[in-house]
Amino acid sequence: MKMYVGNLAFSTTKQTLETLFGTHGAVTDVHLPSDRETGRPRGFAFVTMDSRGAMEAAIKHLDGQNIDGRPIKVNEAQPREERGGGGYGGGRGQGGYDRGGRERRY
């Protein structure tokens, strides 16, 4: 039973989330994504609990609670949407001309 937890402070840790959600049932996983370039948390997490009842109790009691100075948003995680695969392809530039304004020969 996976939940999305949003509006987290950058200072919120995995341990904080495990402890907080653990008061409503067994936490089986906490995923706290970080930015690839800075390594800083991205401001959201996914928390997985062992039962639907535990998840529903956590959502009911924690959604809107002030954690590390911010009101968090907690709801059931939705499946990730499929992303399109690449647009329209490479194309051949602007009307058959290269960047210098010269006509291309193919």
N, C-alpha and C. Protein backbone atom coordinates (compact mmCIF):
# COMPACT_ATOMS: atom_id res chain seq x y z
N MET A 1 0.84 -1.16 0.00
CA MET A 1 0.00 0.00 0.00
C MET A 1 0.90 1.24 0.00
N LYS A 2 1.07 1.82 -1.18
CA LYS A 2 2.01 2.93 -1.34
C LYS A 2 1.29 4.27 -1.31
N MET A 3 1.92 5.23 -0.61
CA MET A 3 1.38 6.58 -0.51
C MET A 3 2.37 7.58 -1.07
N TYR A 4 1.82 8.64 -1.62
CA TYR A 4 2.61 9.79 -2.04
C TYR A 4 2.58 10.80 -0.89
N VAL A 5 3.74 11.31 -0.52
CA VAL A 5 3.83 12.31 0.55
C VAL A 5 4.49 13.54 -0.06
N GLY A 6 3.75 14.63 -0.18
CA GLY A 6 4.25 15.83 -0.83
C GLY A 6 4.41 17.00 0.11
N ASN A 7 5.04 18.05 -0.42
CA ASN A 7 5.30 19.30 0.28
C ASN A 7 6.23 19.10 1.49
N LEU A 8 7.20 18.19 1.33
CA LEU A 8 8.14 17.95 2.42
C LEU A 8 9.22 19.02 2.45
N ALA A 9 9.67 19.34 3.64
CA ALA A 9 10.82 20.24 3.79
C ALA A 9 12.06 19.48 3.31
N PHE A 10 13.04 20.20 2.80
CA PHE A 10 14.27 19.56 2.35
C PHE A 10 15.01 18.90 3.51
N SER A 11 14.72 19.32 4.73
CA SER A 11 15.38 18.75 5.90
C SER A 11 14.72 17.46 6.40
N THR A 12 13.56 17.09 5.87
CA THR A 12 12.87 15.88 6.30
C THR A 12 13.67 14.66 5.86
N THR A 13 13.88 13.73 6.80
CA THR A 13 14.69 12.55 6.51
C THR A 13 13.83 11.29 6.38
N LYS A 14 14.45 10.26 5.86
CA LYS A 14 13.80 8.96 5.74
C LYS A 14 13.40 8.45 7.13
N GLN A 15 14.29 8.63 8.10
CA GLN A 15 14.01 8.20 9.48
C GLN A 15 12.80 8.93 10.06
N THR A 16 12.68 10.23 9.79
CA THR A 16 11.53 11.00 10.26
C THR A 16 10.25 10.41 9.71
N LEU A 17 10.23 10.08 8.42
CA LEU A 17 9.03 9.53 7.80
C LEU A 17 8.72 8.13 8.33
N GLU A 18 9.75 7.32 8.52
CA GLU A 18 9.52 5.97 9.07
C GLU A 18 8.89 6.05 10.45
N THR A 19 9.39 6.93 11.27
CA THR A 19 8.86 7.11 12.63
C THR A 19 7.44 7.65 12.61
N LEU A 20 7.21 8.68 11.80
CA LEU A 20 5.90 9.31 11.71
C LEU A 20 4.83 8.34 11.22
N PHE A 21 5.09 7.66 10.11
CA PHE A 21 4.10 6.75 9.55
C PHE A 21 4.00 5.45 10.37
N GLY A 22 5.08 5.10 11.05
CA GLY A 22 5.10 3.89 11.87
C GLY A 22 4.12 3.93 13.03
N THR A 23 3.67 5.11 13.41
CA THR A 23 2.67 5.21 14.49
C THR A 23 1.30 4.71 14.04
N HIS A 24 1.13 4.47 12.73
CA HIS A 24 -0.17 4.03 12.19
C HIS A 24 -0.12 2.62 11.62
N GLY A 25 1.04 1.96 11.69
CA GLY A 25 1.18 0.59 11.19
C GLY A 25 2.61 0.35 10.75
N ALA A 26 2.84 -0.86 10.23
CA ALA A 26 4.19 -1.25 9.82
C ALA A 26 4.58 -0.60 8.49
N VAL A 27 5.69 0.14 8.49
CA VAL A 27 6.23 0.75 7.27
C VAL A 27 7.18 -0.26 6.63
N THR A 28 6.94 -0.59 5.37
CA THR A 28 7.80 -1.56 4.69
C THR A 28 8.85 -0.90 3.80
N ASP A 29 8.62 0.37 3.39
CA ASP A 29 9.60 1.05 2.55
C ASP A 29 9.36 2.55 2.57
N VAL A 30 10.45 3.31 2.51
CA VAL A 30 10.38 4.76 2.34
C VAL A 30 11.35 5.11 1.22
N HIS A 31 10.84 5.75 0.18
CA HIS A 31 11.69 6.21 -0.93
C HIS A 31 11.63 7.73 -0.96
N LEU A 32 12.79 8.36 -0.74
CA LEU A 32 12.90 9.81 -0.68
C LEU A 32 13.81 10.23 -1.84
N PRO A 33 13.23 10.51 -3.03
CA PRO A 33 14.05 10.84 -4.20
C PRO A 33 14.89 12.10 -3.98
N SER A 34 16.07 12.10 -4.58
CA SER A 34 16.93 13.29 -4.51
C SER A 34 17.26 13.77 -5.92
N ASP A 35 17.57 15.04 -6.02
CA ASP A 35 17.92 15.67 -7.28
C ASP A 35 19.25 15.09 -7.78
N ARG A 36 19.32 14.76 -9.06
CA ARG A 36 20.53 14.16 -9.61
C ARG A 36 21.73 15.09 -9.55
N GLU A 37 21.50 16.37 -9.76
CA GLU A 37 22.61 17.31 -9.82
C GLU A 37 23.06 17.80 -8.45
N THR A 38 22.11 18.09 -7.57
CA THR A 38 22.48 18.68 -6.27
C THR A 38 22.53 17.66 -5.14
N GLY A 39 21.85 16.53 -5.31
CA GLY A 39 21.78 15.53 -4.25
C GLY A 39 20.80 15.88 -3.16
N ARG A 40 20.16 17.04 -3.29
CA ARG A 40 19.19 17.51 -2.29
C ARG A 40 17.85 16.80 -2.50
N PRO A 41 17.13 16.48 -1.43
CA PRO A 41 15.80 15.86 -1.58
C PRO A 41 14.90 16.72 -2.47
N ARG A 42 13.99 16.07 -3.19
CA ARG A 42 13.13 16.76 -4.15
C ARG A 42 11.83 17.29 -3.54
N GLY A 43 11.58 17.03 -2.25
CA GLY A 43 10.41 17.59 -1.59
C GLY A 43 9.20 16.67 -1.57
N PHE A 44 9.41 15.41 -1.94
CA PHE A 44 8.32 14.44 -1.84
C PHE A 44 8.92 13.07 -1.56
N ALA A 45 8.05 12.12 -1.18
CA ALA A 45 8.50 10.77 -0.88
C ALA A 45 7.38 9.79 -1.19
N PHE A 46 7.73 8.52 -1.22
CA PHE A 46 6.76 7.44 -1.31
C PHE A 46 6.96 6.56 -0.09
N VAL A 47 5.87 6.34 0.64
CA VAL A 47 5.92 5.50 1.83
C VAL A 47 5.00 4.31 1.59
N THR A 48 5.52 3.11 1.84
CA THR A 48 4.74 1.89 1.66
C THR A 48 4.48 1.26 3.02
N MET A 49 3.22 0.89 3.23
CA MET A 49 2.84 0.25 4.49
C MET A 49 2.34 -1.16 4.20
N ASP A 50 2.26 -1.98 5.23
CA ASP A 50 1.96 -3.39 5.03
C ASP A 50 0.48 -3.72 4.83
N SER A 51 -0.42 -2.78 5.07
CA SER A 51 -1.85 -3.08 4.89
C SER A 51 -2.63 -1.84 4.47
N ARG A 52 -3.76 -2.08 3.84
CA ARG A 52 -4.62 -0.98 3.42
C ARG A 52 -5.13 -0.21 4.63
N GLY A 53 -5.47 -0.91 5.70
CA GLY A 53 -5.96 -0.25 6.92
C GLY A 53 -4.94 0.71 7.50
N ALA A 54 -3.68 0.28 7.53
CA ALA A 54 -2.61 1.14 8.04
C ALA A 54 -2.44 2.36 7.13
N MET A 55 -2.51 2.13 5.82
CA MET A 55 -2.36 3.23 4.87
C MET A 55 -3.50 4.24 5.05
N GLU A 56 -4.73 3.75 5.14
CA GLU A 56 -5.87 4.66 5.28
C GLU A 56 -5.81 5.44 6.59
N ALA A 57 -5.35 4.79 7.67
CA ALA A 57 -5.21 5.49 8.95
C ALA A 57 -4.14 6.58 8.84
N ALA A 58 -3.04 6.27 8.19
CA ALA A 58 -1.97 7.26 8.03
C ALA A 58 -2.45 8.46 7.20
N ILE A 59 -3.16 8.19 6.12
CA ILE A 59 -3.68 9.28 5.29
C ILE A 59 -4.63 10.15 6.10
N LYS A 60 -5.54 9.51 6.81
CA LYS A 60 -6.54 10.25 7.61
C LYS A 60 -5.89 11.15 8.66
N HIS A 61 -4.86 10.64 9.34
CA HIS A 61 -4.27 11.38 10.45
C HIS A 61 -3.12 12.31 10.07
N LEU A 62 -2.45 12.04 8.95
CA LEU A 62 -1.26 12.81 8.63
C LEU A 62 -1.44 13.84 7.52
N ASP A 63 -2.44 13.68 6.67
CA ASP A 63 -2.65 14.64 5.59
C ASP A 63 -2.93 16.02 6.19
N GLY A 64 -2.11 17.00 5.83
CA GLY A 64 -2.27 18.36 6.33
C GLY A 64 -1.50 18.66 7.61
N GLN A 65 -0.90 17.64 8.22
CA GLN A 65 -0.13 17.86 9.45
C GLN A 65 1.14 18.66 9.15
N ASN A 66 1.56 19.45 10.11
CA ASN A 66 2.75 20.27 9.97
C ASN A 66 3.98 19.45 10.39
N ILE A 67 4.82 19.13 9.41
CA ILE A 67 6.03 18.34 9.66
C ILE A 67 7.23 19.16 9.20
N ASP A 68 8.18 19.38 10.09
CA ASP A 68 9.37 20.18 9.79
C ASP A 68 9.00 21.55 9.21
N GLY A 69 7.92 22.13 9.74
CA GLY A 69 7.53 23.48 9.34
C GLY A 69 6.68 23.58 8.08
N ARG A 70 6.23 22.44 7.54
CA ARG A 70 5.41 22.48 6.32
C ARG A 70 4.20 21.55 6.44
N PRO A 71 3.03 21.98 5.93
CA PRO A 71 1.87 21.08 5.95
C PRO A 71 2.03 20.05 4.83
N ILE A 72 2.14 18.77 5.19
CA ILE A 72 2.37 17.74 4.18
C ILE A 72 1.07 17.29 3.52
N LYS A 73 1.19 16.78 2.33
CA LYS A 73 0.06 16.23 1.58
C LYS A 73 0.28 14.73 1.49
N VAL A 74 -0.68 13.95 1.95
CA VAL A 74 -0.56 12.49 1.94
C VAL A 74 -1.77 11.91 1.22
N ASN A 75 -1.53 11.11 0.20
CA ASN A 75 -2.61 10.38 -0.46
C ASN A 75 -2.09 9.10 -1.07
N GLU A 76 -3.01 8.24 -1.49
CA GLU A 76 -2.60 6.97 -2.10
C GLU A 76 -1.87 7.27 -3.41
N ALA A 77 -0.75 6.61 -3.60
CA ALA A 77 0.04 6.82 -4.82
C ALA A 77 -0.71 6.29 -6.02
N GLN A 78 -0.65 7.01 -7.12
CA GLN A 78 -1.29 6.60 -8.36
C GLN A 78 -0.23 5.99 -9.27
N PRO A 79 -0.62 5.05 -10.13
CA PRO A 79 0.35 4.48 -11.06
C PRO A 79 0.95 5.56 -11.94
N ARG A 80 2.20 5.40 -12.27
CA ARG A 80 2.89 6.37 -13.11
C ARG A 80 2.32 6.33 -14.51
N GLU A 81 2.07 7.51 -15.07
CA GLU A 81 1.52 7.59 -16.42
C GLU A 81 2.60 7.26 -17.44
N GLU A 82 2.19 6.63 -18.54
CA GLU A 82 3.12 6.34 -19.62
C GLU A 82 3.56 7.65 -20.25
N ARG A 83 4.84 7.73 -20.53
CA ARG A 83 5.35 8.93 -21.18
C ARG A 83 5.55 8.64 -22.65
N GLY A 84 5.28 9.66 -23.48
CA GLY A 84 5.48 9.51 -24.91
C GLY A 84 6.94 9.22 -25.22
N GLY A 85 7.17 8.62 -26.35
CA GLY A 85 8.51 8.17 -26.64
C GLY A 85 9.24 8.97 -27.69
N GLY A 86 9.30 10.26 -27.64
CA GLY A 86 10.28 10.91 -28.46
C GLY A 86 9.83 11.94 -29.45
N GLY A 87 8.62 12.31 -29.50
CA GLY A 87 8.24 13.43 -30.35
C GLY A 87 8.23 13.12 -31.83
N TYR A 88 8.75 14.04 -32.64
CA TYR A 88 8.60 13.96 -34.08
C TYR A 88 9.86 13.54 -34.81
N GLY A 89 10.88 13.15 -34.13
CA GLY A 89 12.09 12.71 -34.81
C GLY A 89 13.04 13.87 -35.06
N GLY A 90 14.07 13.60 -35.81
CA GLY A 90 15.16 14.54 -35.99
C GLY A 90 14.88 15.72 -36.88
N GLY A 91 14.14 15.53 -37.95
CA GLY A 91 13.90 16.65 -38.85
C GLY A 91 15.15 17.03 -39.62
N ARG A 92 15.05 17.94 -40.55
CA ARG A 92 16.20 18.32 -41.37
C ARG A 92 16.50 19.80 -41.29
N GLY A 93 16.16 20.42 -40.22
CA GLY A 93 16.49 21.83 -40.09
C GLY A 93 15.35 22.72 -40.52
N GLN A 94 15.67 23.95 -40.87
CA GLN A 94 14.65 24.93 -41.17
C GLN A 94 14.53 25.13 -42.67
N GLY A 95 13.56 24.46 -43.26
CA GLY A 95 13.29 24.66 -44.68
C GLY A 95 14.43 24.30 -45.60
N GLY A 96 15.27 23.35 -45.23
CA GLY A 96 16.33 22.92 -46.11
C GLY A 96 17.57 23.80 -46.07
N TYR A 97 17.71 24.66 -45.06
CA TYR A 97 18.87 25.53 -44.94
C TYR A 97 19.64 25.18 -43.68
N ASP A 98 20.95 25.31 -43.72
CA ASP A 98 21.73 25.07 -42.51
C ASP A 98 21.74 26.33 -41.65
N ARG A 99 22.41 26.29 -40.55
CA ARG A 99 22.39 27.41 -39.60
C ARG A 99 23.03 28.67 -40.20
N GLY A 100 23.89 28.52 -41.14
CA GLY A 100 24.53 29.67 -41.76
C GLY A 100 23.72 30.29 -42.88
N GLY A 101 22.53 29.73 -43.13
CA GLY A 101 21.66 30.27 -44.17
C GLY A 101 21.94 29.70 -45.56
N ARG A 102 22.87 28.74 -45.66
CA ARG A 102 23.17 28.13 -46.95
C ARG A 102 22.21 26.97 -47.20
N GLU A 103 21.81 26.82 -48.44
CA GLU A 103 20.91 25.74 -48.78
C GLU A 103 21.64 24.40 -48.66
N ARG A 104 20.95 23.43 -48.08
CA ARG A 104 21.54 22.10 -47.92
C ARG A 104 21.35 21.30 -49.18
N ARG A 105 22.30 20.45 -49.45
CA ARG A 105 22.20 19.50 -50.55
C ARG A 105 22.13 18.10 -49.95
N TYR A 106 21.08 17.34 -50.28
CA TYR A 106 20.90 16.00 -49.71
C TYR A 106 21.22 14.96 -50.71
